[in-house]
N, C-alpha and C. Protein backbone atom coordinates (compact mmCIF):
# COMPACT_ATOMS: atom_id res chain seq x y z
N MET A 1 15.95 -35.59 -23.51
CA MET A 1 16.38 -34.71 -22.89
C MET A 1 15.69 -32.99 -23.34
N ALA A 2 15.25 -33.27 -24.46
CA ALA A 2 14.06 -32.17 -25.15
C ALA A 2 12.91 -32.05 -24.12
N ASN A 3 12.35 -32.94 -23.55
CA ASN A 3 11.24 -33.04 -22.52
C ASN A 3 11.66 -31.95 -21.41
N GLU A 4 13.20 -32.57 -20.62
CA GLU A 4 13.38 -31.72 -19.78
C GLU A 4 13.87 -30.49 -19.84
N LYS A 5 14.19 -30.11 -21.00
CA LYS A 5 14.14 -28.47 -21.18
C LYS A 5 13.02 -28.20 -21.41
N ASN A 6 12.03 -28.34 -21.82
CA ASN A 6 10.62 -28.10 -22.15
C ASN A 6 10.19 -27.99 -20.82
N ARG A 7 10.15 -28.92 -19.86
CA ARG A 7 9.46 -29.05 -18.52
C ARG A 7 10.06 -27.60 -17.86
N ARG A 8 11.43 -27.61 -17.95
CA ARG A 8 12.40 -26.52 -17.32
C ARG A 8 12.04 -25.06 -17.57
N HIS A 9 11.50 -25.19 -18.80
CA HIS A 9 11.19 -23.67 -19.53
C HIS A 9 10.03 -23.43 -18.97
N LYS A 10 9.17 -24.23 -18.77
CA LYS A 10 7.61 -24.18 -18.51
C LYS A 10 7.49 -23.60 -17.19
N ARG A 11 8.39 -24.17 -15.93
CA ARG A 11 8.68 -24.23 -14.80
C ARG A 11 9.01 -22.60 -14.54
N ASN A 12 10.03 -22.19 -15.21
CA ASN A 12 10.90 -21.06 -15.12
C ASN A 12 9.61 -19.77 -15.82
N LYS A 13 8.93 -20.24 -16.82
CA LYS A 13 7.92 -19.32 -17.36
C LYS A 13 6.80 -18.77 -16.24
N ALA A 14 6.36 -19.78 -15.46
CA ALA A 14 5.28 -19.91 -14.57
C ALA A 14 5.81 -19.27 -13.46
N LYS A 15 7.03 -19.37 -13.02
CA LYS A 15 7.76 -18.71 -11.77
C LYS A 15 7.72 -17.11 -12.06
N LYS A 16 8.25 -17.00 -13.29
CA LYS A 16 8.41 -15.49 -13.62
C LYS A 16 6.89 -14.87 -13.64
N GLU A 17 6.08 -15.73 -13.88
CA GLU A 17 4.58 -15.12 -14.25
C GLU A 17 4.06 -14.87 -12.87
N MET A 18 4.02 -15.79 -12.00
CA MET A 18 3.83 -15.71 -10.46
C MET A 18 4.58 -14.42 -9.51
N ALA A 19 5.74 -14.49 -10.00
CA ALA A 19 6.46 -13.32 -9.42
C ALA A 19 5.77 -12.01 -9.92
N PHE A 20 5.43 -11.65 -11.28
CA PHE A 20 5.18 -10.81 -11.74
C PHE A 20 3.51 -10.54 -11.00
N ILE A 21 2.78 -11.66 -10.62
CA ILE A 21 1.40 -11.33 -10.11
C ILE A 21 1.50 -11.00 -8.84
N ASN A 22 2.63 -11.58 -8.06
CA ASN A 22 2.90 -11.02 -6.80
C ASN A 22 3.35 -9.24 -6.61
N THR A 23 4.03 -9.20 -7.59
CA THR A 23 4.31 -7.30 -8.15
C THR A 23 3.09 -6.65 -8.03
N LYS A 24 1.94 -7.26 -8.87
CA LYS A 24 1.20 -6.26 -9.14
C LYS A 24 0.15 -6.48 -7.65
N ALA A 25 0.08 -7.36 -6.97
CA ALA A 25 -0.79 -7.77 -5.47
C ALA A 25 -0.01 -6.64 -4.61
N SER A 26 1.32 -6.54 -4.68
CA SER A 26 1.93 -5.76 -3.58
C SER A 26 1.89 -4.03 -4.15
N PHE A 27 1.67 -3.93 -5.19
CA PHE A 27 1.49 -2.64 -5.76
C PHE A 27 0.24 -1.90 -5.15
N ILE A 28 -0.89 -2.94 -5.59
CA ILE A 28 -2.35 -2.93 -4.98
C ILE A 28 -2.42 -2.72 -3.65
N ALA A 29 -1.81 -3.83 -2.73
CA ALA A 29 -1.63 -3.61 -1.82
C ALA A 29 -1.03 -2.04 -0.97
N GLY A 30 0.14 -1.68 -1.64
CA GLY A 30 0.75 -0.59 -1.19
C GLY A 30 -0.39 0.85 -1.46
N ILE A 31 -1.12 0.92 -2.70
CA ILE A 31 -2.09 1.77 -2.65
C ILE A 31 -3.38 1.99 -1.86
N VAL A 32 -3.49 0.54 -1.20
CA VAL A 32 -4.65 0.29 -0.35
C VAL A 32 -4.09 0.45 1.00
N VAL A 33 -2.80 0.48 1.41
CA VAL A 33 -2.48 1.06 2.26
C VAL A 33 -2.40 2.46 2.68
N ILE A 34 -2.07 3.28 1.66
CA ILE A 34 -2.09 4.66 1.82
C ILE A 34 -3.33 5.23 1.74
N ILE A 35 -4.56 4.54 1.12
CA ILE A 35 -6.03 4.86 1.24
C ILE A 35 -6.43 4.73 2.60
N THR A 36 -5.97 3.71 3.28
CA THR A 36 -6.59 3.25 4.88
C THR A 36 -5.71 4.37 5.46
N VAL A 37 -4.36 4.55 5.48
CA VAL A 37 -3.71 5.42 6.46
C VAL A 37 -4.37 6.91 6.22
N ILE A 38 -4.74 7.23 5.26
CA ILE A 38 -5.35 8.53 4.88
C ILE A 38 -6.88 8.86 5.56
N ASN A 39 -7.45 7.56 5.24
CA ASN A 39 -8.87 7.32 6.03
C ASN A 39 -8.78 7.15 7.36
N ASP A 40 -7.78 6.57 7.99
CA ASP A 40 -7.57 6.42 9.75
C ASP A 40 -7.36 8.07 9.93
N VAL A 41 -6.43 8.75 9.42
CA VAL A 41 -6.08 9.98 10.06
C VAL A 41 -7.19 10.95 10.02
N VAL A 42 -7.99 10.83 8.38
CA VAL A 42 -9.30 11.85 8.63
C VAL A 42 -10.08 11.43 9.41
N GLY A 43 -10.50 10.13 10.03
CA GLY A 43 -11.17 9.51 10.80
C GLY A 43 -11.02 10.14 12.27
N LEU A 44 -9.64 10.32 12.42
CA LEU A 44 -9.27 11.01 14.06
C LEU A 44 -9.81 12.44 13.82
N ILE A 45 -9.85 13.00 12.92
CA ILE A 45 -10.38 14.44 12.83
C ILE A 45 -12.16 14.65 12.88
N ILE A 46 -12.55 13.95 11.76
CA ILE A 46 -14.04 13.80 11.60
C ILE A 46 -14.74 12.63 11.55
N THR A 47 -15.70 12.46 11.93
CA THR A 47 -16.52 11.25 11.57
C THR A 47 -16.68 11.20 10.20
N ILE A 48 -16.27 9.82 9.62
CA ILE A 48 -16.39 9.38 8.43
C ILE A 48 -17.88 8.99 8.05
N PRO A 49 -18.62 9.47 7.08
CA PRO A 49 -19.86 8.53 6.85
C PRO A 49 -19.71 7.30 6.33
N PHE A 50 -20.63 6.25 6.56
CA PHE A 50 -20.75 5.14 5.59
C PHE A 50 -20.16 5.19 4.22
N TRP A 51 -20.95 5.89 3.63
CA TRP A 51 -20.84 6.18 2.37
C TRP A 51 -19.67 6.12 1.80
N VAL A 52 -18.72 6.82 2.40
CA VAL A 52 -17.10 7.12 1.99
C VAL A 52 -16.58 5.94 2.06
N ASP A 53 -17.05 5.02 3.38
CA ASP A 53 -16.05 4.01 3.52
C ASP A 53 -16.63 3.02 2.34
N LEU A 54 -17.81 3.05 1.82
CA LEU A 54 -18.21 2.13 0.84
C LEU A 54 -17.58 2.28 -0.63
N ILE A 55 -17.70 3.94 -0.72
CA ILE A 55 -16.73 4.31 -1.97
C ILE A 55 -15.10 3.73 -1.95
N GLU A 56 -14.54 3.95 -0.60
CA GLU A 56 -13.35 3.42 -0.83
C GLU A 56 -13.31 1.97 -0.95
N ALA A 57 -14.16 1.25 -0.32
CA ALA A 57 -13.98 -0.06 -0.72
C ALA A 57 -14.16 -0.40 -2.54
N ILE A 58 -15.19 0.36 -3.03
CA ILE A 58 -15.45 0.08 -4.24
C ILE A 58 -14.10 0.41 -5.14
N VAL A 59 -13.48 1.53 -4.86
CA VAL A 59 -12.29 2.02 -5.44
C VAL A 59 -11.33 0.77 -5.20
N CYS A 60 -10.98 0.17 -4.24
CA CYS A 60 -10.04 -0.61 -3.85
C CYS A 60 -10.56 -2.02 -4.61
N ILE A 61 -11.64 -2.34 -4.84
CA ILE A 61 -11.93 -3.38 -5.27
C ILE A 61 -11.81 -3.16 -7.03
N LEU A 62 -12.16 -2.25 -7.48
CA LEU A 62 -11.77 -1.68 -8.91
C LEU A 62 -10.69 -1.61 -9.17
N LEU A 63 -9.60 -1.31 -8.33
CA LEU A 63 -8.11 -1.29 -8.57
C LEU A 63 -7.64 -2.65 -8.73
N LEU A 64 -7.99 -3.51 -7.97
CA LEU A 64 -7.64 -4.85 -8.05
C LEU A 64 -8.15 -5.70 -9.25
N PHE A 65 -9.16 -5.27 -9.72
CA PHE A 65 -9.54 -6.08 -10.80
C PHE A 65 -8.77 -5.47 -11.91
N LEU A 66 -8.81 -4.13 -12.20
CA LEU A 66 -8.04 -3.55 -13.17
C LEU A 66 -6.51 -3.91 -13.26
N PHE A 67 -5.70 -4.06 -12.01
CA PHE A 67 -4.51 -4.33 -12.08
C PHE A 67 -4.34 -5.83 -12.04
N ILE A 68 -5.18 -6.77 -11.36
CA ILE A 68 -4.68 -8.00 -11.04
C ILE A 68 -5.49 -8.96 -12.29
N GLY A 69 -6.85 -8.50 -12.21
CA GLY A 69 -7.84 -9.41 -13.08
C GLY A 69 -7.51 -8.99 -14.36
N THR A 70 -6.87 -8.09 -15.17
CA THR A 70 -6.93 -7.94 -16.46
C THR A 70 -5.61 -7.65 -16.88
N LYS A 71 -5.09 -7.60 -18.30
CA LYS A 71 -3.63 -7.41 -18.66
C LYS A 71 -3.53 -6.01 -19.45
N LYS A 72 -4.47 -5.22 -19.29
CA LYS A 72 -4.51 -3.96 -19.46
C LYS A 72 -3.36 -3.18 -19.27
N TYR A 73 -2.81 -2.83 -17.75
CA TYR A 73 -1.96 -2.21 -17.38
C TYR A 73 -0.79 -2.98 -17.14
N ASP A 74 -0.61 -4.21 -17.80
CA ASP A 74 0.80 -5.11 -17.39
C ASP A 74 2.13 -4.46 -17.72
N ASN A 75 1.96 -3.55 -19.18
CA ASN A 75 3.26 -2.77 -19.45
C ASN A 75 3.67 -1.88 -18.71
N LEU A 76 2.51 -1.20 -17.80
CA LEU A 76 2.88 -0.28 -17.08
C LEU A 76 3.25 -0.90 -16.04
N LEU A 77 3.15 -2.00 -15.45
CA LEU A 77 3.57 -2.45 -14.17
C LEU A 77 4.76 -3.37 -14.08
N LYS A 78 5.08 -3.53 -15.32
CA LYS A 78 6.42 -4.25 -15.74
C LYS A 78 7.87 -3.33 -15.50
N THR A 79 7.87 -2.70 -14.42
CA THR A 79 8.85 -1.81 -14.13
C THR A 79 9.37 -2.12 -12.86
N LYS A 80 10.81 -1.84 -12.68
CA LYS A 80 11.39 -1.74 -11.55
C LYS A 80 11.03 -0.89 -10.16
N GLY A 81 10.51 0.18 -10.77
CA GLY A 81 9.89 1.33 -9.87
C GLY A 81 8.82 0.64 -9.13
N VAL A 82 7.70 -0.08 -10.05
CA VAL A 82 6.43 -0.51 -9.51
C VAL A 82 6.68 -1.62 -8.51
N GLU A 83 7.79 -2.39 -8.65
CA GLU A 83 8.24 -3.47 -7.82
C GLU A 83 8.68 -3.02 -6.60
N LYS A 84 9.54 -1.85 -6.38
CA LYS A 84 10.04 -1.37 -5.59
C LYS A 84 8.82 -0.93 -4.33
N PHE A 85 8.33 0.16 -5.39
CA PHE A 85 6.98 0.58 -4.59
C PHE A 85 6.02 -0.16 -3.91
N GLY A 86 5.75 -1.24 -4.49
CA GLY A 86 4.91 -2.32 -3.70
C GLY A 86 5.43 -2.86 -2.57
N ASP A 87 6.60 -3.41 -2.81
CA ASP A 87 7.39 -3.87 -1.98
C ASP A 87 7.52 -2.98 -0.53
N PHE A 88 8.06 -1.82 -0.82
CA PHE A 88 8.14 -0.82 0.31
C PHE A 88 7.05 -0.45 1.31
N LEU A 89 5.81 -0.35 0.26
CA LEU A 89 4.77 0.21 0.83
C LEU A 89 4.15 -1.13 1.70
N THR A 90 3.79 -2.28 0.86
CA THR A 90 3.74 -3.31 1.62
C THR A 90 4.41 -3.64 3.06
N VAL A 91 5.41 -3.89 3.28
CA VAL A 91 6.27 -3.65 4.47
C VAL A 91 5.85 -2.67 5.30
N ILE A 92 6.31 -1.47 4.81
CA ILE A 92 6.57 -0.49 5.83
C ILE A 92 4.95 -0.10 6.15
N GLY A 93 3.91 0.11 5.09
CA GLY A 93 2.73 0.35 5.74
C GLY A 93 2.10 -0.59 6.51
N SER A 94 2.25 -1.70 6.34
CA SER A 94 1.60 -2.86 7.10
C SER A 94 2.20 -2.54 8.78
N PHE A 95 3.53 -2.14 9.05
CA PHE A 95 4.49 -1.90 10.12
C PHE A 95 3.73 -0.63 10.87
N ILE A 96 3.39 0.57 9.75
CA ILE A 96 2.88 1.46 10.56
C ILE A 96 1.24 1.35 10.38
N PHE A 97 0.55 0.83 9.99
CA PHE A 97 -0.90 0.56 10.39
C PHE A 97 -1.09 -0.25 11.33
N LEU A 98 -0.37 -1.15 11.99
CA LEU A 98 -0.30 -2.09 13.02
C LEU A 98 0.32 -0.99 14.43
N LEU A 99 1.15 -0.07 13.71
CA LEU A 99 1.65 0.52 15.12
C LEU A 99 0.45 1.86 15.21
N GLU A 100 0.10 2.35 14.33
CA GLU A 100 -1.12 3.38 14.33
C GLU A 100 -2.22 2.80 15.55
N LYS A 101 -2.49 1.67 14.91
CA LYS A 101 -3.86 0.78 15.51
C LYS A 101 -3.56 0.58 16.87
N GLY A 102 -2.48 0.15 17.27
CA GLY A 102 -2.04 -0.04 18.90
C GLY A 102 -1.99 1.16 19.57
N ALA A 103 -1.42 2.11 18.79
CA ALA A 103 -1.23 3.51 19.57
C ALA A 103 -2.55 4.34 19.93
N LEU A 104 -3.69 3.96 18.78
CA LEU A 104 -4.84 4.54 19.11
C LEU A 104 -5.50 3.97 20.06
N SER A 105 -5.58 2.48 20.13
CA SER A 105 -6.18 1.73 21.32
C SER A 105 -5.53 2.28 22.66
N VAL A 106 -4.41 2.38 22.78
CA VAL A 106 -3.90 2.75 24.26
C VAL A 106 -4.15 4.33 24.45
N ALA A 107 -4.14 5.19 23.14
CA ALA A 107 -4.49 6.52 23.67
C ALA A 107 -5.97 6.74 24.58
N SER A 108 -5.73 7.72 25.55
CA SER A 108 -7.27 7.88 26.11
C SER A 108 -8.29 8.17 25.18
N LYS A 109 -9.55 8.16 25.94
CA LYS A 109 -10.58 8.27 24.88
C LYS A 109 -11.05 9.65 25.09
N GLU A 110 -10.14 10.53 25.18
CA GLU A 110 -10.58 11.80 25.08
C GLU A 110 -10.69 12.41 23.81
N GLU A 111 -11.44 13.64 23.32
CA GLU A 111 -11.86 14.26 22.26
C GLU A 111 -10.63 14.60 21.88
N LEU A 112 -10.65 14.80 20.35
CA LEU A 112 -9.42 15.33 19.72
C LEU A 112 -9.43 16.94 20.00
N GLU A 113 -8.65 17.89 20.79
CA GLU A 113 -8.45 19.25 21.00
C GLU A 113 -7.14 19.75 20.66
N LEU A 114 -7.24 20.86 20.43
CA LEU A 114 -5.96 21.58 20.30
C LEU A 114 -5.19 21.68 21.85
N SER A 115 -4.47 20.85 22.29
CA SER A 115 -3.43 20.70 23.60
C SER A 115 -2.47 19.92 23.35
N ILE A 116 -1.32 20.47 23.79
CA ILE A 116 0.03 19.61 23.73
C ILE A 116 -0.22 18.30 24.60
N TYR A 117 -1.23 18.28 25.47
CA TYR A 117 -1.25 17.07 26.62
C TYR A 117 -2.28 16.02 25.96
N ASN A 118 -3.12 16.44 25.04
CA ASN A 118 -3.97 15.36 24.14
C ASN A 118 -3.52 14.69 23.56
N ASP A 119 -3.23 13.38 23.94
CA ASP A 119 -2.93 12.02 23.36
C ASP A 119 -3.17 11.66 21.94
N LYS A 120 -4.34 11.97 21.36
CA LYS A 120 -4.94 11.64 20.26
C LYS A 120 -4.44 12.89 19.21
N LEU A 121 -4.01 13.91 19.52
CA LEU A 121 -3.63 14.91 18.99
C LEU A 121 -2.16 14.61 18.53
N SER A 122 -1.52 14.36 19.71
CA SER A 122 0.04 13.90 19.29
C SER A 122 0.43 12.67 18.66
N ILE A 123 -0.66 11.79 18.70
CA ILE A 123 -0.56 10.36 18.01
C ILE A 123 -1.04 10.89 16.36
N LEU A 124 -1.85 12.02 16.21
CA LEU A 124 -2.37 12.36 14.79
C LEU A 124 -1.12 12.90 14.15
N ILE A 125 -0.40 13.87 14.95
CA ILE A 125 0.80 14.63 14.24
C ILE A 125 1.83 13.68 13.85
N VAL A 126 2.25 12.73 14.89
CA VAL A 126 3.14 11.69 14.30
C VAL A 126 3.00 11.10 13.32
N PHE A 127 1.64 10.44 13.23
CA PHE A 127 1.46 9.37 12.29
C PHE A 127 1.06 10.40 11.06
N VAL A 128 0.71 11.70 10.79
CA VAL A 128 0.52 12.29 9.85
C VAL A 128 2.16 12.34 9.12
N VAL A 129 2.91 12.80 10.04
CA VAL A 129 4.48 12.86 9.61
C VAL A 129 4.83 11.65 8.94
N PHE A 130 4.87 10.46 9.56
CA PHE A 130 4.94 9.20 9.29
C PHE A 130 4.14 8.93 7.75
N GLY A 131 3.19 9.43 7.74
CA GLY A 131 2.47 8.88 6.55
C GLY A 131 3.11 9.56 5.36
N ILE A 132 3.32 11.08 5.51
CA ILE A 132 3.52 11.89 4.43
C ILE A 132 5.12 11.51 4.02
N ALA A 133 5.90 10.78 4.96
CA ALA A 133 7.45 10.30 4.57
C ALA A 133 6.97 9.22 3.83
N ILE A 134 6.15 8.21 4.10
CA ILE A 134 6.06 6.92 3.53
C ILE A 134 5.66 7.39 2.23
N ILE A 135 4.47 8.05 2.03
CA ILE A 135 4.09 8.24 0.75
C ILE A 135 4.87 9.08 -0.07
N VAL A 136 5.82 10.08 0.27
CA VAL A 136 6.74 10.60 -0.69
C VAL A 136 7.88 9.47 -0.86
N GLY A 137 8.48 8.60 0.16
CA GLY A 137 9.42 7.37 0.00
C GLY A 137 9.12 6.84 -1.38
N SER A 138 7.67 6.28 -1.06
CA SER A 138 7.16 5.13 -1.96
C SER A 138 6.93 5.89 -3.41
N PHE A 139 6.51 7.10 -3.44
CA PHE A 139 6.30 7.67 -4.46
C PHE A 139 7.90 8.14 -5.46
N SER A 140 8.91 8.17 -4.58
CA SER A 140 10.17 8.43 -5.28
C SER A 140 10.74 7.16 -5.58
N LEU A 141 10.65 6.17 -4.86
CA LEU A 141 10.90 4.93 -5.36
C LEU A 141 10.00 4.17 -6.79
N LEU A 142 8.97 4.65 -6.80
CA LEU A 142 8.01 4.79 -8.00
C LEU A 142 8.67 5.42 -9.31
N ILE A 143 9.05 6.40 -9.17
CA ILE A 143 9.54 7.41 -10.13
C ILE A 143 10.93 7.43 -10.52
N HIS A 144 11.77 6.96 -9.38
CA HIS A 144 13.11 6.89 -9.64
C HIS A 144 13.75 6.09 -10.85
N GLU A 145 14.80 6.62 -11.94
CA GLU A 145 15.26 5.51 -12.63
C GLU A 145 16.01 4.63 -12.39
N TYR A 146 15.84 3.54 -12.65
CA TYR A 146 16.72 2.54 -12.27
C TYR A 146 17.77 1.95 -13.32
N PRO A 147 18.88 1.69 -12.98
CA PRO A 147 19.63 1.29 -14.16
C PRO A 147 19.40 -0.08 -15.06
N ASP A 148 19.36 -0.35 -16.38
CA ASP A 148 19.14 -1.55 -16.57
C ASP A 148 20.24 -2.75 -16.00
N GLU A 149 19.92 -3.93 -16.14
CA GLU A 149 20.72 -5.08 -15.45
C GLU A 149 21.41 -5.61 -16.80
């Protein structure tokens, strides 16, 4: 009987640890989605040099290492807001990212210019509005006070 209880306890502890790792991973994925959406929007306006993309990749890898590879920020990440933030951004960010890539591929190959008939400008405006709404919504989930259960 004691062995069964110990096994069950170890299984439950492993499940909680894996759920926490998933929360940390979704948090990082949410931040990477924000960085990518901002990079894509800026890429519509100007040509982004290679070194900026390289710095973006290094920052994302550094965040991945700091939040998942170490236990330094575990107390910060064990909040309900971080879980909601990561879940929301992972789901909605992926959806918007795919929608953005599809819309940009369908848009005409014309240059970005200030005209209401320019496809790229209208897509840029729509995704800037979506991006701002997503970022504001996700940060409100992050800082919102959740009642203890």
